[in-house]
N, C-alpha and C. Protein backbone atom coordinates (compact mmCIF):
# COMPACT_ATOMS: atom_id res chain seq x y z
N MET A 1 -5.87 -15.57 -12.59
CA MET A 1 -5.11 -15.29 -11.38
C MET A 1 -5.70 -14.08 -10.65
N SER A 2 -5.85 -14.20 -9.37
CA SER A 2 -6.48 -13.11 -8.62
C SER A 2 -5.40 -12.21 -8.01
N TRP A 3 -5.86 -11.05 -7.56
CA TRP A 3 -4.99 -10.07 -6.94
C TRP A 3 -4.80 -10.38 -5.46
N HIS A 4 -3.66 -9.93 -4.94
CA HIS A 4 -3.36 -10.13 -3.53
C HIS A 4 -2.86 -8.80 -2.96
N VAL A 5 -3.42 -8.40 -1.80
CA VAL A 5 -2.94 -7.20 -1.12
C VAL A 5 -1.91 -7.57 -0.07
N GLU A 6 -0.73 -7.07 -0.21
CA GLU A 6 0.36 -7.29 0.77
C GLU A 6 0.57 -5.97 1.50
N ILE A 7 0.77 -6.07 2.81
CA ILE A 7 0.98 -4.88 3.65
C ILE A 7 2.35 -4.98 4.26
N THR A 8 3.16 -3.95 4.04
CA THR A 8 4.52 -3.92 4.64
C THR A 8 4.40 -3.84 6.13
N GLU A 9 5.48 -4.21 6.82
CA GLU A 9 5.48 -4.13 8.30
C GLU A 9 5.24 -2.72 8.80
N GLU A 10 5.86 -1.75 8.13
CA GLU A 10 5.65 -0.34 8.55
C GLU A 10 4.17 0.06 8.40
N ALA A 11 3.59 -0.31 7.29
CA ALA A 11 2.16 0.03 7.05
C ALA A 11 1.25 -0.71 8.01
N LYS A 12 1.58 -1.96 8.37
CA LYS A 12 0.77 -2.72 9.33
C LYS A 12 0.72 -1.97 10.65
N ALA A 13 1.88 -1.48 11.09
CA ALA A 13 1.94 -0.76 12.39
C ALA A 13 1.14 0.53 12.27
N GLU A 14 1.21 1.21 11.13
CA GLU A 14 0.45 2.46 10.97
C GLU A 14 -1.05 2.17 10.89
N ILE A 15 -1.46 1.12 10.27
CA ILE A 15 -2.88 0.77 10.20
C ILE A 15 -3.41 0.41 11.60
N GLN A 16 -2.59 -0.27 12.39
CA GLN A 16 -3.00 -0.63 13.76
C GLN A 16 -3.24 0.61 14.60
N ARG A 17 -2.59 1.71 14.31
CA ARG A 17 -2.79 2.97 15.05
C ARG A 17 -4.03 3.74 14.64
N LEU A 18 -4.66 3.33 13.54
CA LEU A 18 -5.87 4.03 13.11
C LEU A 18 -7.05 3.62 13.99
N PRO A 19 -8.06 4.46 14.09
CA PRO A 19 -9.24 4.07 14.86
C PRO A 19 -9.90 2.82 14.28
N ALA A 20 -10.62 2.07 15.09
CA ALA A 20 -11.18 0.79 14.70
C ALA A 20 -12.07 0.88 13.46
N ASP A 21 -12.88 1.93 13.35
CA ASP A 21 -13.75 2.03 12.19
C ASP A 21 -12.97 2.28 10.91
N MET A 22 -11.83 2.95 11.00
CA MET A 22 -10.98 3.16 9.86
C MET A 22 -10.30 1.85 9.44
N ARG A 23 -9.85 1.09 10.42
CA ARG A 23 -9.24 -0.22 10.12
C ARG A 23 -10.24 -1.11 9.43
N ALA A 24 -11.46 -1.14 9.90
CA ALA A 24 -12.49 -1.96 9.29
C ALA A 24 -12.76 -1.51 7.87
N HIS A 25 -12.81 -0.21 7.62
CA HIS A 25 -13.04 0.30 6.30
C HIS A 25 -11.89 -0.07 5.38
N PHE A 26 -10.65 0.05 5.87
CA PHE A 26 -9.48 -0.37 5.09
C PHE A 26 -9.61 -1.81 4.66
N LEU A 27 -9.96 -2.69 5.61
CA LEU A 27 -10.06 -4.11 5.30
C LEU A 27 -11.14 -4.39 4.24
N ARG A 28 -12.26 -3.67 4.32
CA ARG A 28 -13.31 -3.85 3.31
C ARG A 28 -12.81 -3.45 1.91
N ILE A 29 -12.12 -2.35 1.81
CA ILE A 29 -11.63 -1.90 0.51
C ILE A 29 -10.53 -2.82 0.01
N ALA A 30 -9.64 -3.26 0.89
CA ALA A 30 -8.58 -4.19 0.47
C ALA A 30 -9.20 -5.50 -0.05
N GLN A 31 -10.27 -5.95 0.58
CA GLN A 31 -10.97 -7.15 0.10
C GLN A 31 -11.58 -6.92 -1.26
N MET A 32 -12.15 -5.74 -1.47
CA MET A 32 -12.70 -5.40 -2.79
C MET A 32 -11.60 -5.45 -3.86
N LEU A 33 -10.44 -4.90 -3.55
CA LEU A 33 -9.30 -4.90 -4.50
C LEU A 33 -8.91 -6.34 -4.85
N GLU A 34 -8.90 -7.22 -3.86
CA GLU A 34 -8.55 -8.63 -4.10
C GLU A 34 -9.65 -9.32 -4.90
N ASP A 35 -10.88 -9.08 -4.56
CA ASP A 35 -11.99 -9.77 -5.22
C ASP A 35 -12.22 -9.30 -6.66
N PHE A 36 -12.14 -7.98 -6.91
CA PHE A 36 -12.50 -7.43 -8.20
C PHE A 36 -11.31 -6.92 -9.02
N GLY A 37 -10.15 -6.74 -8.37
CA GLY A 37 -8.99 -6.20 -9.07
C GLY A 37 -9.00 -4.67 -9.06
N PRO A 38 -7.81 -4.08 -9.17
CA PRO A 38 -7.72 -2.63 -9.08
C PRO A 38 -8.37 -1.86 -10.23
N GLN A 39 -8.57 -2.53 -11.37
CA GLN A 39 -9.22 -1.87 -12.50
C GLN A 39 -10.69 -1.61 -12.26
N ARG A 40 -11.32 -2.39 -11.38
CA ARG A 40 -12.76 -2.26 -11.17
C ARG A 40 -13.16 -1.61 -9.87
N VAL A 41 -12.15 -1.23 -9.06
CA VAL A 41 -12.45 -0.49 -7.82
C VAL A 41 -11.99 0.95 -8.06
N THR A 42 -12.93 1.88 -7.95
CA THR A 42 -12.66 3.25 -8.30
C THR A 42 -13.07 4.17 -7.15
N LYS A 43 -13.10 5.50 -7.46
CA LYS A 43 -13.57 6.48 -6.48
C LYS A 43 -14.99 6.11 -6.10
N PRO A 44 -15.35 6.26 -4.86
CA PRO A 44 -14.70 6.95 -3.79
C PRO A 44 -13.72 6.08 -2.98
N HIS A 45 -13.54 4.81 -3.41
CA HIS A 45 -12.75 3.86 -2.57
C HIS A 45 -11.25 4.02 -2.78
N VAL A 46 -10.83 4.24 -4.03
CA VAL A 46 -9.42 4.42 -4.33
C VAL A 46 -9.25 5.58 -5.30
N ALA A 47 -8.04 6.14 -5.33
CA ALA A 47 -7.76 7.23 -6.28
C ALA A 47 -6.25 7.19 -6.60
N HIS A 48 -5.93 7.60 -7.82
CA HIS A 48 -4.53 7.69 -8.24
C HIS A 48 -3.89 8.89 -7.57
N LEU A 49 -2.68 8.72 -7.07
CA LEU A 49 -1.94 9.83 -6.49
C LEU A 49 -0.98 10.43 -7.53
N GLU A 50 0.05 9.63 -7.86
CA GLU A 50 1.02 10.05 -8.86
C GLU A 50 1.89 8.85 -9.20
N GLY A 51 2.38 8.81 -10.43
CA GLY A 51 3.25 7.69 -10.82
C GLY A 51 2.55 6.38 -10.58
N LYS A 52 3.24 5.48 -9.88
CA LYS A 52 2.69 4.16 -9.57
C LYS A 52 1.85 4.16 -8.27
N LEU A 53 1.78 5.27 -7.59
CA LEU A 53 1.10 5.30 -6.26
C LEU A 53 -0.37 5.56 -6.39
N TRP A 54 -1.11 4.80 -5.61
CA TRP A 54 -2.56 4.93 -5.48
C TRP A 54 -2.89 5.00 -4.01
N GLU A 55 -4.08 5.45 -3.68
CA GLU A 55 -4.49 5.53 -2.29
C GLU A 55 -5.83 4.87 -2.04
N ILE A 56 -5.92 4.16 -0.92
CA ILE A 56 -7.21 3.67 -0.44
C ILE A 56 -7.73 4.79 0.42
N ARG A 57 -8.97 5.20 0.15
CA ARG A 57 -9.56 6.37 0.78
C ARG A 57 -10.55 5.94 1.87
N MET A 58 -10.28 6.30 3.09
CA MET A 58 -11.16 5.94 4.20
C MET A 58 -11.76 7.20 4.80
N HIS A 59 -13.08 7.25 4.83
CA HIS A 59 -13.83 8.36 5.45
C HIS A 59 -14.75 7.72 6.47
N ARG A 60 -14.61 8.10 7.69
CA ARG A 60 -15.47 7.57 8.75
C ARG A 60 -15.72 8.63 9.79
N GLN A 61 -16.46 8.23 10.79
CA GLN A 61 -16.84 9.13 11.92
C GLN A 61 -15.60 9.76 12.54
N ASP A 62 -14.50 9.00 12.64
CA ASP A 62 -13.28 9.49 13.26
C ASP A 62 -12.44 10.35 12.35
N GLY A 63 -12.85 10.63 11.12
CA GLY A 63 -12.11 11.50 10.22
C GLY A 63 -11.77 10.84 8.92
N ILE A 64 -10.62 11.27 8.35
CA ILE A 64 -10.18 10.81 7.04
C ILE A 64 -8.81 10.13 7.22
N ALA A 65 -8.63 8.98 6.53
CA ALA A 65 -7.33 8.32 6.53
C ALA A 65 -7.08 7.84 5.10
N ARG A 66 -5.81 7.58 4.86
CA ARG A 66 -5.36 7.07 3.58
C ARG A 66 -4.37 5.93 3.79
N ALA A 67 -4.39 4.98 2.85
CA ALA A 67 -3.34 3.94 2.81
C ALA A 67 -2.82 3.97 1.37
N ILE A 68 -1.51 4.19 1.24
CA ILE A 68 -0.91 4.33 -0.08
C ILE A 68 -0.32 2.99 -0.53
N TYR A 69 -0.61 2.62 -1.77
CA TYR A 69 -0.15 1.32 -2.32
C TYR A 69 0.29 1.48 -3.75
N PHE A 70 0.90 0.41 -4.28
CA PHE A 70 1.30 0.38 -5.67
C PHE A 70 1.12 -1.06 -6.17
N ALA A 71 1.04 -1.23 -7.48
CA ALA A 71 0.89 -2.54 -8.07
C ALA A 71 2.32 -3.09 -8.34
N ALA A 72 2.56 -4.32 -7.93
CA ALA A 72 3.84 -4.97 -8.08
C ALA A 72 3.65 -6.21 -8.97
N PRO A 73 4.75 -6.76 -9.47
CA PRO A 73 4.65 -7.96 -10.31
C PRO A 73 3.93 -9.08 -9.59
N GLY A 74 3.26 -9.92 -10.37
CA GLY A 74 2.56 -11.09 -9.80
C GLY A 74 1.20 -10.73 -9.23
N GLN A 75 0.59 -9.68 -9.78
CA GLN A 75 -0.74 -9.22 -9.35
C GLN A 75 -0.81 -9.00 -7.85
N GLN A 76 0.21 -8.26 -7.35
CA GLN A 76 0.24 -7.88 -5.93
C GLN A 76 -0.03 -6.37 -5.85
N LEU A 77 -0.77 -5.99 -4.85
CA LEU A 77 -0.91 -4.59 -4.49
C LEU A 77 -0.25 -4.45 -3.12
N VAL A 78 0.78 -3.61 -3.06
CA VAL A 78 1.60 -3.49 -1.87
C VAL A 78 1.30 -2.19 -1.15
N VAL A 79 0.77 -2.30 0.06
CA VAL A 79 0.46 -1.12 0.87
C VAL A 79 1.76 -0.74 1.62
N VAL A 80 2.21 0.49 1.43
CA VAL A 80 3.49 0.94 1.99
C VAL A 80 3.39 2.00 3.08
N HIS A 81 2.19 2.66 3.19
CA HIS A 81 2.07 3.74 4.17
C HIS A 81 0.60 3.97 4.45
N ALA A 82 0.28 4.25 5.71
CA ALA A 82 -1.11 4.58 6.11
C ALA A 82 -1.05 5.67 7.17
N PHE A 83 -2.04 6.59 7.10
CA PHE A 83 -2.02 7.72 8.02
C PHE A 83 -3.41 8.38 8.05
N GLN A 84 -3.66 9.14 9.12
CA GLN A 84 -4.83 9.94 9.24
C GLN A 84 -4.56 11.32 8.69
N LYS A 85 -5.49 11.92 7.99
CA LYS A 85 -5.30 13.21 7.36
C LYS A 85 -6.06 14.31 8.11
N LYS A 86 -5.55 15.54 7.97
CA LYS A 86 -6.19 16.68 8.55
C LYS A 86 -6.73 17.60 7.44
N THR A 87 -6.19 17.48 6.22
CA THR A 87 -6.56 18.34 5.12
C THR A 87 -7.10 17.49 3.94
N GLN A 88 -7.70 18.12 2.95
CA GLN A 88 -8.20 17.42 1.80
C GLN A 88 -7.09 16.80 0.95
N LYS A 89 -6.04 17.59 0.75
CA LYS A 89 -4.91 17.16 -0.08
C LYS A 89 -3.97 16.24 0.71
N THR A 90 -3.51 15.17 0.02
CA THR A 90 -2.55 14.27 0.69
C THR A 90 -1.21 15.02 0.82
N PRO A 91 -0.69 15.13 2.06
CA PRO A 91 0.54 15.86 2.27
C PRO A 91 1.72 15.27 1.46
N ARG A 92 2.52 16.16 0.93
CA ARG A 92 3.69 15.79 0.09
C ARG A 92 4.62 14.87 0.86
N ARG A 93 4.82 15.10 2.14
CA ARG A 93 5.77 14.28 2.92
C ARG A 93 5.27 12.82 2.99
N ASP A 94 3.95 12.62 3.00
CA ASP A 94 3.42 11.24 3.00
C ASP A 94 3.62 10.59 1.66
N ILE A 95 3.50 11.33 0.58
CA ILE A 95 3.77 10.78 -0.75
C ILE A 95 5.23 10.42 -0.89
N GLU A 96 6.12 11.31 -0.42
CA GLU A 96 7.55 11.07 -0.51
C GLU A 96 7.95 9.81 0.32
N LEU A 97 7.35 9.68 1.52
CA LEU A 97 7.64 8.51 2.33
C LEU A 97 7.18 7.23 1.60
N ALA A 98 6.00 7.27 1.01
CA ALA A 98 5.49 6.11 0.26
C ALA A 98 6.41 5.80 -0.93
N LEU A 99 6.89 6.81 -1.64
CA LEU A 99 7.80 6.56 -2.77
C LEU A 99 9.08 5.91 -2.28
N THR A 100 9.63 6.38 -1.17
CA THR A 100 10.86 5.78 -0.60
C THR A 100 10.62 4.35 -0.22
N ARG A 101 9.51 4.08 0.44
CA ARG A 101 9.21 2.68 0.83
C ARG A 101 8.96 1.80 -0.38
N MET A 102 8.32 2.32 -1.40
CA MET A 102 8.08 1.55 -2.63
C MET A 102 9.42 1.16 -3.24
N GLN A 103 10.32 2.15 -3.36
CA GLN A 103 11.63 1.87 -3.96
C GLN A 103 12.39 0.79 -3.15
N GLY A 104 12.33 0.90 -1.82
CA GLY A 104 12.94 -0.10 -0.96
C GLY A 104 12.34 -1.48 -1.18
N TRP A 105 11.02 -1.55 -1.27
CA TRP A 105 10.37 -2.83 -1.49
C TRP A 105 10.74 -3.39 -2.84
N LEU A 106 10.74 -2.58 -3.88
CA LEU A 106 11.07 -3.06 -5.21
C LEU A 106 12.53 -3.54 -5.29
N HIS A 107 13.43 -2.80 -4.62
CA HIS A 107 14.83 -3.20 -4.57
C HIS A 107 15.00 -4.54 -3.89
N HIS A 108 14.35 -4.67 -2.75
CA HIS A 108 14.42 -5.90 -1.98
C HIS A 108 13.81 -7.08 -2.78
N ASP A 109 12.68 -6.83 -3.46
CA ASP A 109 12.03 -7.86 -4.23
C ASP A 109 12.92 -8.30 -5.43
N THR A 110 13.58 -7.36 -6.05
CA THR A 110 14.48 -7.67 -7.17
C THR A 110 15.62 -8.55 -6.68
N GLN A 111 16.18 -8.23 -5.50
CA GLN A 111 17.24 -9.06 -4.94
C GLN A 111 16.74 -10.45 -4.63
N ARG A 112 15.53 -10.54 -4.10
CA ARG A 112 14.95 -11.86 -3.76
C ARG A 112 14.75 -12.70 -5.02
N LEU A 113 14.23 -12.10 -6.10
CA LEU A 113 14.01 -12.82 -7.34
C LEU A 113 15.36 -13.24 -7.96
N SER A 114 16.33 -12.36 -7.92
CA SER A 114 17.65 -12.68 -8.45
C SER A 114 18.25 -13.84 -7.68
N ALA A 115 18.13 -13.83 -6.37
CA ALA A 115 18.66 -14.90 -5.55
C ALA A 115 18.00 -16.25 -5.86
N ARG A 116 16.70 -16.20 -6.14
CA ARG A 116 15.96 -17.40 -6.45
C ARG A 116 16.51 -17.99 -7.76
N ARG A 117 16.82 -17.13 -8.75
CA ARG A 117 17.35 -17.61 -10.04
C ARG A 117 18.74 -18.16 -9.90
N THR A 118 19.60 -17.57 -9.07
CA THR A 118 21.00 -17.98 -8.95
C THR A 118 21.21 -19.01 -7.84
N GLY A 119 20.26 -19.18 -6.98
CA GLY A 119 20.41 -20.11 -5.88
C GLY A 119 21.11 -19.57 -4.68
N ARG A 120 21.51 -18.29 -4.74
CA ARG A 120 22.20 -17.66 -3.62
C ARG A 120 21.20 -16.88 -2.78
N PRO A 121 21.41 -16.81 -1.46
CA PRO A 121 20.51 -16.03 -0.62
C PRO A 121 20.64 -14.54 -0.95
N PRO A 122 19.52 -13.77 -0.79
CA PRO A 122 19.59 -12.34 -1.09
C PRO A 122 20.45 -11.61 -0.06
N ARG A 123 21.12 -10.55 -0.54
CA ARG A 123 21.88 -9.70 0.39
C ARG A 123 20.92 -8.98 1.24
N GLN A 124 21.28 -8.86 2.51
CA GLN A 124 20.45 -8.12 3.46
C GLN A 124 20.81 -6.67 3.37
N GLY A 125 19.80 -5.81 3.35
CA GLY A 125 20.05 -4.37 3.26
C GLY A 125 18.98 -3.64 4.03
N ARG A 126 19.22 -2.41 4.29
CA ARG A 126 18.24 -1.58 4.94
C ARG A 126 17.11 -1.22 4.00
N LEU A 127 15.90 -1.20 4.52
CA LEU A 127 14.76 -0.75 3.69
C LEU A 127 14.32 0.60 4.16
């Protein structure tokens, strides 16, 4: 079974705001993750942040950007946040935002799986 990179709606909008060369670099690294799996893609392309969070590292002419993702069940890598950086260290507020979005995605996914087992539609909630 191969890996699949899923991008949340919020992260898609953030990636679209990145400069074109950063978006292209993101797509190349995401394709590497799908083709080879997260175990075989390492620095300088990706790095562990904390807990379940990892980052895709983009360095280009227009600066530095990051896309934060986590591994989810079913060999999915879920991108939850993307941004351009001004400093070497990833800002704490971006990590906190990614953690919040990850928790929302996991909660929503758990509801969806539960609904599939019971035959009832998932409850709608805010993410």
